[in-house]
Amino acid sequence: MPGVYARRFRRIAVLAATSALATTGLLATAPAAQASPPTPVSAATARTYLGQLTVAAEGSSTGYSRDKFPHWITQSGTCNTREVVLKRDGTNVVQDSSCAAVSGSWFSEYEGATWTAAADVDIDHMVPLSEAWKSGASGWTTARRQAFANDLTRPQLIAVTDNVNQAKGDKDPAEWLPSRTSYRCMYARMWVNVKYYYNLKVDSAEKSALQGILNGC
């Protein structure tokens, strides 16, 4: 029965090769789909939420400090919030024993650039910390501000190009929007989702800008 023995031999050979590849860590697997921040509410829901937000002049920045929004906190093991988001938002991200990203690629949704060095990537707070302070967070406890600054459940954190994040600064959507226009609807949905969840105020120019975007979604 040479045919049976030949098939059996081929099967053993394939299994042996697979085992060897797995042992050396070279076994090819399909790449995981690129992750992203949690999906925000729909444009329709965002319009409803926006209509329910308190409209008020932006508050004072007196007393504001980033230190009043403790970040990046440890999320698990040796991984802090920044490292978790880098892993989540990147593609084929490899981390070392201290959880630092040593390789991978990151697509910046704001302007469409792709980076292969984690040092070129910032983790943007969708609603900036200073903006939150002036919109109501000045009255929060430190624990609530920490939760806000490290929120992985709402669409509050996203990996983007560092200098683009710095250009955004603490500006609201009346003052700054992603240059990639196809992302602006998502951006507005994320912004409103976060502000609504945390019961933060909006000023009139900010609300008008958000309405204009959401009405076009």
Protein backbone atom coordinates (compact mmCIF):
# COMPACT_ATOMS: atom_id res chain seq x y z
CA MET A 1 0.00 0.00 0.00
CA PRO A 2 2.62 2.55 -1.08
CA GLY A 3 0.00 5.30 -1.61
CA VAL A 4 -1.15 5.08 2.02
CA TYR A 5 2.41 5.18 3.34
CA ALA A 6 3.26 8.13 1.07
CA ARG A 7 0.28 10.15 2.30
CA ARG A 8 1.08 9.26 5.92
CA PHE A 9 4.70 10.35 5.43
CA ARG A 10 3.65 13.67 3.90
CA ARG A 11 1.26 14.30 6.79
CA ILE A 12 3.98 13.61 9.37
CA ALA A 13 6.38 15.87 7.49
CA VAL A 14 3.87 18.74 7.43
CA LEU A 15 3.14 18.35 11.13
CA ALA A 16 6.84 18.30 11.94
CA ALA A 17 7.48 21.44 9.90
CA THR A 18 4.54 23.24 11.53
CA SER A 19 5.79 22.30 14.99
CA ALA A 20 9.28 23.55 14.18
CA LEU A 21 7.98 26.89 12.92
CA ALA A 22 5.77 27.33 15.98
CA THR A 23 8.70 26.56 18.27
CA THR A 24 10.88 29.21 16.63
CA GLY A 25 8.05 31.75 16.59
CA LEU A 26 8.01 31.96 12.80
CA LEU A 27 4.62 30.41 12.14
CA ALA A 28 2.74 32.81 9.90
CA THR A 29 -0.65 33.98 11.06
CA ALA A 30 -3.12 36.33 9.49
CA PRO A 31 -2.54 39.88 10.77
CA ALA A 32 -5.17 41.15 13.14
CA ALA A 33 -7.46 43.90 11.89
CA GLN A 34 -6.27 47.35 12.91
CA ALA A 35 -7.88 48.34 16.17
CA SER A 36 -9.16 51.79 17.01
CA PRO A 37 -10.77 53.75 19.84
CA PRO A 38 -14.18 52.54 21.03
CA THR A 39 -16.87 53.31 18.45
CA PRO A 40 -18.69 56.52 19.38
CA VAL A 41 -22.42 57.05 19.27
CA SER A 42 -24.03 57.54 15.85
CA ALA A 43 -24.32 60.97 14.26
CA ALA A 44 -28.05 60.99 15.03
CA THR A 45 -27.43 60.20 18.70
CA ALA A 46 -24.60 62.74 18.81
CA ARG A 47 -26.98 65.41 17.51
CA THR A 48 -29.42 64.51 20.28
CA TYR A 49 -26.67 64.55 22.92
CA LEU A 50 -25.34 67.88 21.66
CA GLY A 51 -28.80 69.40 22.05
CA GLN A 52 -28.82 68.29 25.69
CA LEU A 53 -25.43 69.73 26.65
CA THR A 54 -25.36 72.93 28.68
CA VAL A 55 -24.22 75.89 26.61
CA ALA A 56 -22.08 78.35 28.54
CA ALA A 57 -19.09 80.60 28.04
CA GLU A 58 -15.81 78.81 28.48
CA GLY A 59 -14.61 78.92 32.05
CA SER A 60 -11.34 80.17 33.44
CA SER A 61 -8.08 78.24 33.20
CA THR A 62 -7.08 79.53 36.64
CA GLY A 63 -5.74 76.70 38.74
CA TYR A 64 -5.37 74.33 35.78
CA SER A 65 -2.45 71.91 35.69
CA ARG A 66 -2.00 68.65 33.80
CA ASP A 67 -0.89 67.21 37.13
CA LYS A 68 -4.50 67.53 38.29
CA PHE A 69 -5.38 64.88 35.68
CA PRO A 70 -2.99 62.06 36.72
CA HIS A 71 -1.82 60.10 33.66
CA TRP A 72 -0.58 57.76 32.38
CA ILE A 73 -1.63 55.31 35.07
CA THR A 74 -0.82 51.60 35.19
CA GLN A 75 -3.54 49.57 33.47
CA SER A 76 -2.19 46.03 33.90
CA GLY A 77 1.17 44.52 34.75
CA THR A 78 3.81 46.99 33.61
CA CYS A 79 1.59 48.58 30.94
CA ASN A 80 0.38 52.13 31.39
CA THR A 81 -2.43 53.83 29.48
CA ARG A 82 -0.19 55.20 26.73
CA GLU A 83 1.27 51.77 26.03
CA VAL A 84 -2.17 50.14 25.98
CA VAL A 85 -3.41 52.67 23.41
CA LEU A 86 -0.28 52.29 21.28
CA LYS A 87 -0.90 48.55 21.19
CA ARG A 88 -4.62 48.96 20.52
CA ASP A 89 -4.35 51.56 17.77
CA GLY A 90 -1.30 50.15 16.01
CA THR A 91 -0.72 47.32 13.59
CA ASN A 92 1.66 44.42 14.35
CA VAL A 93 2.86 46.16 17.51
CA VAL A 94 5.60 44.34 19.42
CA GLN A 95 6.27 45.31 23.03
CA ASP A 96 9.30 44.55 25.18
CA SER A 97 9.22 43.15 28.72
CA SER A 98 8.49 46.61 30.14
CA CYS A 99 5.54 47.03 27.72
CA ALA A 100 7.27 49.66 25.56
CA ALA A 101 6.42 49.41 21.85
CA VAL A 102 9.61 48.45 19.98
CA SER A 103 8.08 47.96 16.53
CA GLY A 104 4.83 48.30 14.66
CA SER A 105 3.04 50.92 12.61
CA TRP A 106 0.50 53.59 13.45
CA PHE A 107 -1.93 55.31 11.09
CA SER A 108 -2.81 58.81 12.26
CA GLU A 109 -6.48 59.37 11.53
CA TYR A 110 -6.21 63.15 11.78
CA GLU A 111 -4.08 63.68 8.68
CA GLY A 112 -3.54 60.21 7.22
CA ALA A 113 0.17 59.70 7.95
CA THR A 114 1.66 56.34 8.93
CA TRP A 115 4.54 56.02 11.40
CA THR A 116 6.78 53.11 12.35
CA ALA A 117 8.37 54.64 15.46
CA ALA A 118 6.35 54.98 18.65
CA ALA A 119 8.29 58.14 19.45
CA ASP A 120 6.52 59.86 16.54
CA VAL A 121 3.10 59.09 18.03
CA ASP A 122 1.22 60.93 20.78
CA ILE A 123 -1.89 59.77 22.58
CA ASP A 124 -4.41 62.55 22.08
CA HIS A 125 -7.12 63.29 24.60
CA MET A 126 -10.10 63.80 22.29
CA VAL A 127 -11.45 66.41 24.71
CA PRO A 128 -8.21 68.02 25.91
CA LEU A 129 -7.52 68.21 29.62
CA SER A 130 -7.45 72.01 29.65
CA GLU A 131 -10.69 72.15 27.64
CA ALA A 132 -12.29 69.79 30.13
CA TRP A 133 -11.09 71.94 33.02
CA LYS A 134 -12.73 75.02 31.50
CA SER A 135 -15.89 73.05 30.71
CA GLY A 136 -16.59 71.76 34.20
CA ALA A 137 -13.77 69.44 35.29
CA SER A 138 -12.32 72.11 37.57
CA GLY A 139 -15.00 71.09 40.04
CA TRP A 140 -14.29 67.36 39.85
CA THR A 141 -12.40 65.22 42.32
CA THR A 142 -8.88 64.17 41.37
CA ALA A 143 -10.13 60.59 41.04
CA ARG A 144 -12.68 61.61 38.41
CA ARG A 145 -10.10 63.66 36.52
CA GLN A 146 -7.78 60.65 36.56
CA ALA A 147 -10.53 58.44 35.15
CA PHE A 148 -11.18 61.00 32.42
CA ALA A 149 -7.49 61.27 31.49
CA ASN A 150 -7.10 57.49 31.20
CA ASP A 151 -10.51 56.50 29.82
CA LEU A 152 -10.23 53.43 27.59
CA THR A 153 -13.98 52.79 27.52
CA ARG A 154 -15.14 56.01 25.86
CA PRO A 155 -13.60 57.32 22.58
CA GLN A 156 -11.40 59.74 24.53
CA LEU A 157 -7.91 58.47 23.62
CA ILE A 158 -6.41 58.00 20.15
CA ALA A 159 -2.88 57.54 18.80
CA VAL A 160 -1.96 60.32 16.35
CA THR A 161 1.06 62.11 14.91
CA ASP A 162 2.84 63.99 17.70
CA ASN A 163 3.17 67.39 16.01
CA VAL A 164 -0.46 67.25 14.84
CA ASN A 165 -1.54 66.60 18.41
CA GLN A 166 0.60 69.52 19.54
CA ALA A 167 -1.00 71.75 16.89
CA LYS A 168 -4.42 70.80 18.22
CA GLY A 169 -3.38 71.66 21.77
CA ASP A 170 -6.45 72.46 23.88
CA LYS A 171 -8.53 73.76 20.97
CA ASP A 172 -12.18 72.80 20.56
CA PRO A 173 -13.80 71.98 17.17
CA ALA A 174 -14.58 75.66 16.51
CA GLU A 175 -10.83 76.30 16.59
CA TRP A 176 -9.29 73.09 15.22
CA LEU A 177 -10.38 70.08 13.18
CA PRO A 178 -8.48 67.20 11.56
CA SER A 179 -7.13 68.13 8.13
CA ARG A 180 -8.44 64.79 6.87
CA THR A 181 -12.00 65.91 6.18
CA SER A 182 -13.33 62.36 5.88
CA TYR A 183 -12.60 61.89 9.59
CA ARG A 184 -14.38 65.00 10.83
CA CYS A 185 -17.74 63.30 11.28
CA MET A 186 -16.13 60.62 13.44
CA TYR A 187 -14.23 63.31 15.33
CA ALA A 188 -17.42 65.23 16.13
CA ARG A 189 -19.20 62.05 17.22
CA MET A 190 -16.30 61.18 19.52
CA TRP A 191 -16.12 64.69 20.97
CA VAL A 192 -19.83 64.87 21.75
CA ASN A 193 -19.86 61.31 23.12
CA VAL A 194 -17.16 62.20 25.64
CA LYS A 195 -18.60 65.58 26.61
CA TYR A 196 -22.05 64.09 27.12
CA TYR A 197 -20.81 61.17 29.23
CA TYR A 198 -18.84 63.50 31.51
CA ASN A 199 -21.55 66.20 31.55
CA LEU A 200 -19.17 68.87 30.29
CA LYS A 201 -20.40 72.19 28.91
CA VAL A 202 -19.99 73.54 25.38
CA ASP A 203 -19.64 77.16 24.34
CA SER A 204 -21.80 78.56 21.55
CA ALA A 205 -19.10 78.56 18.85
CA GLU A 206 -18.13 74.98 19.72
CA LYS A 207 -21.76 73.84 19.55
CA SER A 208 -22.29 75.57 16.21
CA ALA A 209 -19.19 73.93 14.72
CA LEU A 210 -20.26 70.50 15.95
CA GLN A 211 -23.80 70.96 14.63
CA GLY A 212 -22.46 71.87 11.22
CA ILE A 213 -20.33 68.75 11.06
CA LEU A 214 -22.95 66.37 12.44
CA ASN A 215 -25.65 67.69 10.11
CA GLY A 216 -23.44 66.71 7.21
CA CYS A 217 -22.71 63.19 8.43
